[in-house]
C-alpha atoms as a PDB file:
ATOM      1  CA  UNK A   1       0.004  -0.001   0.000  1.00  0.00           C
ATOM      2  CA  UNK A   2       1.457   3.333  -1.067  1.00  0.00           C
ATOM      3  CA  UNK A   3       0.824   6.101   1.419  1.00  0.00           C
ATOM      4  CA  UNK A   4       2.047   9.664   1.376  1.00  0.00           C
ATOM      5  CA  UNK A   5       1.738  11.798   4.474  1.00  0.00           C
ATOM      6  CA  UNK A   6       1.039  15.498   4.278  1.00  0.00           C
ATOM      7  CA  UNK A   7       2.274  16.733   7.622  1.00  0.00           C
ATOM      8  CA  UNK A   8      -0.134  15.654  10.343  1.00  0.00           C
ATOM      9  CA  UNK A   9      -3.316  16.421   8.444  1.00  0.00           C
ATOM     10  CA  UNK A  10      -3.644  13.810   5.673  1.00  0.00           C
ATOM     11  CA  UNK A  11      -2.448  10.480   4.356  1.00  0.00           C
ATOM     12  CA  UNK A  12      -2.872  10.085   0.605  1.00  0.00           C
ATOM     13  CA  UNK A  13      -3.662   6.576  -0.610  1.00  0.00           C
ATOM     14  CA  UNK A  14      -1.730   6.433  -3.871  1.00  0.00           C
ATOM     15  CA  UNK A  15      -2.718   2.794  -4.586  1.00  0.00           C
ATOM     16  CA  UNK A  16      -6.497   3.348  -4.548  1.00  0.00           C
ATOM     17  CA  UNK A  17      -6.829   3.707  -8.317  1.00  0.00           C
ATOM     18  CA  UNK A  18      -5.042   0.388  -9.023  1.00  0.00           C
ATOM     19  CA  UNK A  19      -6.724  -1.414  -6.085  1.00  0.00           C
ATOM     20  CA  UNK A  20     -10.313  -0.212  -6.413  1.00  0.00           C
ATOM     21  CA  UNK A  21     -10.554   1.748  -9.635  1.00  0.00           C
ATOM     22  CA  UNK A  22     -11.443   4.838  -7.630  1.00  0.00           C
ATOM     23  CA  UNK A  23      -9.564   8.130  -8.153  1.00  0.00           C
ATOM     24  CA  UNK A  24      -8.161  10.465  -5.550  1.00  0.00           C
ATOM     25  CA  UNK A  25     -11.212  12.200  -4.047  1.00  0.00           C
ATOM     26  CA  UNK A  26     -10.921  14.976  -1.599  1.00  0.00           C
ATOM     27  CA  UNK A  27     -14.052  15.708   0.385  1.00  0.00           C
ATOM     28  CA  UNK A  28     -13.853  19.410   1.064  1.00  0.00           C
ATOM     29  CA  UNK A  29     -16.801  19.488   3.395  1.00  0.00           C
ATOM     30  CA  UNK A  30     -15.724  19.911   6.994  1.00  0.00           C
ATOM     31  CA  UNK A  31     -12.097  20.655   6.185  1.00  0.00           C
ATOM     32  CA  UNK A  32     -10.361  23.849   7.255  1.00  0.00           C
ATOM     33  CA  UNK A  33      -9.539  26.001   4.233  1.00  0.00           C
ATOM     34  CA  UNK A  34      -5.821  25.938   4.907  1.00  0.00           C
ATOM     35  CA  UNK A  35      -5.843  22.144   5.207  1.00  0.00           C
ATOM     36  CA  UNK A  36      -7.735  21.791   1.976  1.00  0.00           C
ATOM     37  CA  UNK A  37      -5.402  24.104   0.096  1.00  0.00           C
ATOM     38  CA  UNK A  38      -2.349  22.278   1.473  1.00  0.00           C
ATOM     39  CA  UNK A  39      -3.693  18.962   0.240  1.00  0.00           C
ATOM     40  CA  UNK A  40      -4.575  20.287  -3.201  1.00  0.00           C
ATOM     41  CA  UNK A  41      -1.202  22.050  -3.625  1.00  0.00           C
ATOM     42  CA  UNK A  42       0.587  18.842  -2.692  1.00  0.00           C
ATOM     43  CA  UNK A  43      -1.346  16.826  -5.246  1.00  0.00           C
ATOM     44  CA  UNK A  44      -0.626  19.447  -7.899  1.00  0.00           C
ATOM     45  CA  UNK A  45       3.053  19.447  -7.104  1.00  0.00           C
ATOM     46  CA  UNK A  46       3.104  15.687  -7.761  1.00  0.00           C
ATOM     47  CA  UNK A  47       1.037  16.184 -10.968  1.00  0.00           C
ATOM     48  CA  UNK A  48      -1.496  13.823  -9.489  1.00  0.00           C
ATOM     49  CA  UNK A  49      -5.069  14.412 -10.577  1.00  0.00           C
ATOM     50  CA  UNK A  50      -7.978  14.516  -8.125  1.00  0.00           C
ATOM     51  CA  UNK A  51     -11.627  15.367  -7.705  1.00  0.00           C
ATOM     52  CA  UNK A  52     -12.589  17.806  -4.935  1.00  0.00           C
ATOM     53  CA  UNK A  53     -16.222  17.464  -3.835  1.00  0.00           C
ATOM     54  CA  UNK A  54     -18.597  19.649  -1.927  1.00  0.00           C
ATOM     55  CA  UNK A  55     -16.539  22.751  -1.323  1.00  0.00           C
ATOM     56  CA  UNK A  56     -18.208  25.389   0.863  1.00  0.00           C
ATOM     57  CA  UNK A  57     -18.679  28.924  -0.524  1.00  0.00           C
ATOM     58  CA  UNK A  58     -15.536  30.033   1.435  1.00  0.00           C
ATOM     59  CA  UNK A  59     -13.489  27.064   0.198  1.00  0.00           C
ATOM     60  CA  UNK A  60     -14.690  27.715  -3.343  1.00  0.00           C
ATOM     61  CA  UNK A  61     -13.598  31.322  -3.218  1.00  0.00           C
ATOM     62  CA  UNK A  62     -10.136  30.313  -2.068  1.00  0.00           C
ATOM     63  CA  UNK A  63      -9.873  27.621  -4.699  1.00  0.00           C
ATOM     64  CA  UNK A  64     -10.842  30.168  -7.382  1.00  0.00           C
ATOM     65  CA  UNK A  65      -8.089  32.442  -6.063  1.00  0.00           C
ATOM     66  CA  UNK A  66      -5.628  29.560  -6.320  1.00  0.00           C
ATOM     67  CA  UNK A  67      -6.757  28.887  -9.899  1.00  0.00           C
ATOM     68  CA  UNK A  68      -6.104  32.528 -10.808  1.00  0.00           C
ATOM     69  CA  UNK A  69      -2.625  32.074  -9.445  1.00  0.00           C
ATOM     70  CA  UNK A  70      -1.986  29.179 -11.697  1.00  0.00           C
ATOM     71  CA  UNK A  71      -3.296  26.044  -9.899  1.00  0.00           C
ATOM     72  CA  UNK A  72      -4.751  23.846 -12.630  1.00  0.00           C
ATOM     73  CA  UNK A  73      -8.362  23.646 -11.487  1.00  0.00           C
ATOM     74  CA  UNK A  74     -11.651  23.351 -13.337  1.00  0.00           C
ATOM     75  CA  UNK A  75     -14.981  24.054 -11.667  1.00  0.00           C
ATOM     76  CA  UNK A  76     -17.803  21.728 -12.540  1.00  0.00           C
ATOM     77  CA  UNK A  77     -21.456  21.221 -11.664  1.00  0.00           C
ATOM     78  CA  UNK A  78     -21.891  24.856 -10.519  1.00  0.00           C
ATOM     79  CA  UNK A  79     -18.983  24.485  -8.103  1.00  0.00           C
ATOM     80  CA  UNK A  80     -20.095  21.279  -6.468  1.00  0.00           C
ATOM     81  CA  UNK A  81     -17.108  19.530  -7.954  1.00  0.00           C
ATOM     82  CA  UNK A  82     -13.572  20.758  -8.719  1.00  0.00           C
ATOM     83  CA  UNK A  83     -11.156  18.896 -10.978  1.00  0.00           C
ATOM     84  CA  UNK A  84      -7.450  19.115 -10.313  1.00  0.00           C
ATOM     85  CA  UNK A  85      -5.604  18.426 -13.609  1.00  0.00           C
ATOM     86  CA  UNK A  86      -3.567  15.259 -13.855  1.00  0.00           C
ATOM     87  CA  UNK A  87      -4.193  11.526 -14.243  1.00  0.00           C
ATOM     88  CA  UNK A  88      -6.860   9.904 -12.101  1.00  0.00           C
ATOM     89  CA  UNK A  89      -5.436   6.386 -12.346  1.00  0.00           C
ATOM     90  CA  UNK A  90      -8.688   4.654 -13.094  1.00  0.00           C
ATOM     91  CA  UNK A  91      -9.288   1.605 -15.294  1.00  0.00           C
ATOM     92  CA  UNK A  92     -10.884   1.557 -18.699  1.00  0.00           C
ATOM     93  CA  UNK A  93     -14.673   1.637 -18.445  1.00  0.00           C
ATOM     94  CA  UNK A  94     -17.271  -0.034 -20.579  1.00  0.00           C
ATOM     95  CA  UNK A  95     -18.522   2.556 -23.093  1.00  0.00           C
ATOM     96  CA  UNK A  96     -22.164   1.725 -22.630  1.00  0.00           C
ATOM     97  CA  UNK A  97     -24.195   4.737 -21.544  1.00  0.00           C
ATOM     98  CA  UNK A  98     -25.249   5.396 -17.947  1.00  0.00           C
ATOM     99  CA  UNK A  99     -28.630   7.056 -17.696  1.00  0.00           C
ATOM    100  CA  UNK A 100     -29.283   9.717 -15.067  1.00  0.00           C
ATOM    101  CA  UNK A 101     -32.903  10.500 -14.358  1.00  0.00           C
ATOM    102  CA  UNK A 102     -34.024  13.270 -12.012  1.00  0.00           C
ATOM    103  CA  UNK A 103     -37.595  13.346 -10.783  1.00  0.00           C
ATOM    104  CA  UNK A 104     -37.815  17.135 -10.511  1.00  0.00           C
ATOM    105  CA  UNK A 105     -35.835  20.232 -11.425  1.00  0.00           C
ATOM    106  CA  UNK A 106     -34.874  20.646  -7.677  1.00  0.00           C
ATOM    107  CA  UNK A 107     -33.069  17.276  -7.883  1.00  0.00           C
ATOM    108  CA  UNK A 108     -30.845  18.429 -10.769  1.00  0.00           C
ATOM    109  CA  UNK A 109     -27.937  19.875  -8.752  1.00  0.00           C
ATOM    110  CA  UNK A 110     -27.221  16.496  -7.170  1.00  0.00           C
ATOM    111  CA  UNK A 111     -27.652  14.725 -10.532  1.00  0.00           C
ATOM    112  CA  UNK A 112     -25.237  17.183 -12.172  1.00  0.00           C
ATOM    113  CA  UNK A 113     -22.590  16.547  -9.541  1.00  0.00           C
ATOM    114  CA  UNK A 114     -22.881  12.860 -10.279  1.00  0.00           C
ATOM    115  CA  UNK A 115     -22.753  13.409 -14.045  1.00  0.00           C
ATOM    116  CA  UNK A 116     -19.607  15.539 -13.695  1.00  0.00           C
ATOM    117  CA  UNK A 117     -17.822  12.803 -11.741  1.00  0.00           C
ATOM    118  CA  UNK A 118     -18.853  10.144 -14.287  1.00  0.00           C
ATOM    119  CA  UNK A 119     -17.666  12.263 -17.222  1.00  0.00           C
ATOM    120  CA  UNK A 120     -14.285  12.847 -15.579  1.00  0.00           C
ATOM    121  CA  UNK A 121     -13.898   9.109 -15.055  1.00  0.00           C
ATOM    122  CA  UNK A 122     -14.455   8.471 -18.752  1.00  0.00           C
ATOM    123  CA  UNK A 123     -18.087   7.194 -18.577  1.00  0.00           C
ATOM    124  CA  UNK A 124     -20.875   8.164 -20.969  1.00  0.00           C
ATOM    125  CA  UNK A 125     -23.610   9.781 -18.837  1.00  0.00           C
ATOM    126  CA  UNK A 126     -26.867  10.674 -20.581  1.00  0.00           C
ATOM    127  CA  UNK A 127     -29.636  12.578 -18.772  1.00  0.00           C
ATOM    128  CA  UNK A 128     -33.356  13.329 -18.630  1.00  0.00           C
ATOM    129  CA  UNK A 129     -34.591  15.689 -15.959  1.00  0.00           C
ATOM    130  CA  UNK A 130     -38.035  16.531 -14.609  1.00  0.00           C
ATOM    131  CA  UNK A 131     -39.500  13.127 -15.425  1.00  0.00           C
ATOM    132  CA  UNK A 132     -40.997  12.277 -12.020  1.00  0.00           C
ATOM    133  CA  UNK A 133     -44.118  10.341 -11.180  1.00  0.00           C
ATOM    134  CA  UNK A 134     -46.348  13.419 -11.149  1.00  0.00           C
ATOM    135  CA  UNK A 135     -46.473  13.034 -14.916  1.00  0.00           C
ATOM    136  CA  UNK A 136     -45.632   9.478 -15.911  1.00  0.00           C
ATOM    137  CA  UNK A 137     -46.139  10.149 -19.640  1.00  0.00           C
ATOM    138  CA  UNK A 138     -42.832  12.123 -19.542  1.00  0.00           C
ATOM    139  CA  UNK A 139     -40.992   9.167 -18.074  1.00  0.00           C
ATOM    140  CA  UNK A 140     -42.330   6.621 -20.501  1.00  0.00           C
ATOM    141  CA  UNK A 141     -41.234   8.646 -23.460  1.00  0.00           C
ATOM    142  CA  UNK A 142     -37.599   9.011 -22.251  1.00  0.00           C
ATOM    143  CA  UNK A 143     -37.353   5.383 -21.202  1.00  0.00           C
ATOM    144  CA  UNK A 144     -38.477   4.201 -24.625  1.00  0.00           C
ATOM    145  CA  UNK A 145     -35.644   6.242 -26.096  1.00  0.00           C
ATOM    146  CA  UNK A 146     -33.006   5.259 -23.572  1.00  0.00           C
ATOM    147  CA  UNK A 147     -33.784   1.507 -23.640  1.00  0.00           C
ATOM    148  CA  UNK A 148     -32.776   1.480 -27.276  1.00  0.00           C
ATOM    149  CA  UNK A 149     -29.277   2.598 -26.112  1.00  0.00           C
ATOM    150  CA  UNK A 150     -28.877  -0.519 -23.955  1.00  0.00           C
ATOM    151  CA  UNK A 151     -27.493   1.402 -20.942  1.00  0.00           C
ATOM    152  CA  UNK A 152     -25.385  -0.307 -18.371  1.00  0.00           C
ATOM    153  CA  UNK A 153     -27.297   1.226 -15.453  1.00  0.00           C
ATOM    154  CA  UNK A 154     -29.876   3.839 -14.442  1.00  0.00           C
ATOM    155  CA  UNK A 155     -29.070   6.334 -11.713  1.00  0.00           C
ATOM    156  CA  UNK A 156     -32.344   7.778 -10.470  1.00  0.00           C
ATOM    157  CA  UNK A 157     -32.527  10.924  -8.304  1.00  0.00           C
ATOM    158  CA  UNK A 158     -35.689  11.795  -6.407  1.00  0.00           C
ATOM    159  CA  UNK A 159     -36.711  13.745  -3.350  1.00  0.00           C
ATOM    160  CA  UNK A 160     -40.084  14.138  -1.648  1.00  0.00           C
ATOM    161  CA  UNK A 161     -41.690  10.620  -1.648  1.00  0.00           C
ATOM    162  CA  UNK A 162     -38.809   9.024  -3.624  1.00  0.00           C
ATOM    163  CA  UNK A 163     -41.051   6.889  -5.879  1.00  0.00           C
ATOM    164  CA  UNK A 164     -39.236   7.288  -9.228  1.00  0.00           C
ATOM    165  CA  UNK A 165     -36.486   4.623  -8.803  1.00  0.00           C
ATOM    166  CA  UNK A 166     -39.050   1.929  -7.980  1.00  0.00           C
ATOM    167  CA  UNK A 167     -41.121   2.865 -10.993  1.00  0.00           C
ATOM    168  CA  UNK A 168     -38.084   2.783 -13.245  1.00  0.00           C
ATOM    169  CA  UNK A 169     -36.867  -0.538 -11.922  1.00  0.00           C
ATOM    170  CA  UNK A 170     -40.160  -2.074 -12.842  1.00  0.00           C
ATOM    171  CA  UNK A 171     -39.766  -0.977 -16.472  1.00  0.00           C
ATOM    172  CA  UNK A 172     -36.143  -1.381 -17.478  1.00  0.00           C
ATOM    173  CA  UNK A 173     -33.694  -4.328 -17.748  1.00  0.00           C
ATOM    174  CA  UNK A 174     -30.553  -2.618 -16.444  1.00  0.00           C
ATOM    175  CA  UNK A 175     -29.608  -2.244 -12.759  1.00  0.00           C
ATOM    176  CA  UNK A 176     -31.187   0.748 -11.038  1.00  0.00           C
ATOM    177  CA  UNK A 177     -29.506   2.832  -8.280  1.00  0.00           C
ATOM    178  CA  UNK A 178     -31.751   5.135  -6.266  1.00  0.00           C
ATOM    179  CA  UNK A 179     -30.331   8.411  -4.956  1.00  0.00           C
ATOM    180  CA  UNK A 180     -32.589  10.175  -2.456  1.00  0.00           C
ATOM    181  CA  UNK A 181     -32.367  13.939  -2.636  1.00  0.00           C
ATOM    182  CA  UNK A 182     -32.833  16.389   0.223  1.00  0.00           C
ATOM    183  CA  UNK A 183     -35.900  17.981  -1.372  1.00  0.00           C
ATOM    184  CA  UNK A 184     -39.191  18.114   0.526  1.00  0.00           C
ATOM    185  CA  UNK A 185     -40.676  19.754   3.544  1.00  0.00           C
ATOM    186  CA  UNK A 186     -42.456  18.935   6.773  1.00  0.00           C
ATOM    187  CA  UNK A 187     -42.386  15.428   8.225  1.00  0.00           C
ATOM    188  CA  UNK A 188     -39.932  13.248   6.293  1.00  0.00           C
ATOM    189  CA  UNK A 189     -38.514  16.186   4.433  1.00  0.00           C
ATOM    190  CA  UNK A 190     -34.822  16.733   3.519  1.00  0.00           C
ATOM    191  CA  UNK A 191     -34.610  13.319   1.864  1.00  0.00           C
ATOM    192  CA  UNK A 192     -35.642  11.137   4.842  1.00  0.00           C
ATOM    193  CA  UNK A 193     -38.973  10.008   3.318  1.00  0.00           C
ATOM    194  CA  UNK A 194     -37.287   9.444  -0.105  1.00  0.00           C
ATOM    195  CA  UNK A 195     -34.567   7.305   1.504  1.00  0.00           C
ATOM    196  CA  UNK A 196     -37.074   5.199   3.473  1.00  0.00           C
ATOM    197  CA  UNK A 197     -39.252   4.698   0.444  1.00  0.00           C
ATOM    198  CA  UNK A 198     -36.267   3.506  -1.673  1.00  0.00           C
ATOM    199  CA  UNK A 199     -35.212   1.113   1.024  1.00  0.00           C
ATOM    200  CA  UNK A 200     -38.709  -0.378   0.988  1.00  0.00           C
ATOM    201  CA  UNK A 201     -38.869  -0.639  -2.847  1.00  0.00           C
ATOM    202  CA  UNK A 202     -40.863  -3.587  -4.096  1.00  0.00           C
ATOM    203  CA  UNK A 203     -38.740  -3.596  -7.277  1.00  0.00           C
ATOM    204  CA  UNK A 204     -35.057  -4.598  -7.003  1.00  0.00           C
ATOM    205  CA  UNK A 205     -32.892  -1.478  -6.652  1.00  0.00           C
ATOM    206  CA  UNK A 206     -29.712  -0.472  -4.858  1.00  0.00           C
ATOM    207  CA  UNK A 207     -29.749   2.718  -2.756  1.00  0.00           C
ATOM    208  CA  UNK A 208     -27.133   5.188  -1.572  1.00  0.00           C
ATOM    209  CA  UNK A 209     -27.434   7.825   1.124  1.00  0.00           C
ATOM    210  CA  UNK A 210     -29.158  11.179   0.792  1.00  0.00           C
ATOM    211  CA  UNK A 211     -27.550  13.529  -1.787  1.00  0.00           C
ATOM    212  CA  UNK A 212     -24.755  10.926  -2.303  1.00  0.00           C
ATOM    213  CA  UNK A 213     -23.840  11.993  -5.815  1.00  0.00           C
ATOM    214  CA  UNK A 214     -20.214  10.951  -5.672  1.00  0.00           C
ATOM    215  CA  UNK A 215     -20.843   7.463  -4.197  1.00  0.00           C
ATOM    216  CA  UNK A 216     -23.481   6.954  -6.903  1.00  0.00           C
ATOM    217  CA  UNK A 217     -21.018   7.831  -9.622  1.00  0.00           C
ATOM    218  CA  UNK A 218     -18.353   5.545  -8.154  1.00  0.00           C
ATOM    219  CA  UNK A 219     -20.856   2.702  -7.945  1.00  0.00           C
ATOM    220  CA  UNK A 220     -21.565   3.114 -11.633  1.00  0.00           C
ATOM    221  CA  UNK A 221     -17.905   3.454 -12.545  1.00  0.00           C
ATOM    222  CA  UNK A 222     -16.986   0.284 -10.710  1.00  0.00           C
ATOM    223  CA  UNK A 223     -19.813  -1.539 -12.495  1.00  0.00           C
ATOM    224  CA  UNK A 224     -18.511  -0.263 -15.880  1.00  0.00           C
ATOM    225  CA  UNK A 225     -14.944  -1.202 -14.918  1.00  0.00           C
ATOM    226  CA  UNK A 226     -15.942  -4.782 -14.138  1.00  0.00           C
ATOM    227  CA  UNK A 227     -18.050  -5.066 -17.315  1.00  0.00           C
ATOM    228  CA  UNK A 228     -15.336  -3.721 -19.662  1.00  0.00           C
ATOM    229  CA  UNK A 229     -12.994  -6.794 -19.763  1.00  0.00           C
ATOM    230  CA  UNK A 230     -15.962  -9.124 -20.448  1.00  0.00           C
ATOM    231  CA  UNK A 231     -17.203  -6.886 -23.284  1.00  0.00           C
ATOM    232  CA  UNK A 232     -13.709  -6.866 -24.870  1.00  0.00           C
ATOM    233  CA  UNK A 233     -13.585 -10.661 -25.180  1.00  0.00           C
END
């Protein structure tokens, strides 16, 4: 196991890409700004690519300042994801599409964070937004189109009652991952009702935690990585 220590604040796992097919991911949320910048500068000095997720507004301002000073950063998904230039050390992925569906427009920011991660990993995300159960005719139209693409998986984002992943899983042949989104109000709001509903789905789905865009993207990438060698034979 290759480990690189950055003072007393971080230990970089340099073998993660080879071992798991997962790139260097820096969760900015909860980190002190100076700690985050130290980690990112260290990675940049080694020309090691990374994804930085969920920066706060203050962290984002500092990262933009660093970019203006020459740090090779790109800002994706309206600032929910930052890409540090350099190799991500991930395996070749199956080139089949991954479909991202968002029940409502309020679910789109989480879906876009997920799409940005997938695109940086070399996947082929395709999307349809605002196709929730309040108007099933919208969903049926897009599913008819996407099923012809033979996608590897569907990633389905929904807040409120979280019904959309169950409906999709009853209509498509590919694996479905439900991502509950912190949209809703009152009892069960902020994603709790959506998470509970997905966990009780009567159709077979997998589920990640509330707003877990990055874990959802990594789940899909690992699936694509495992399918790629079989498809090449």
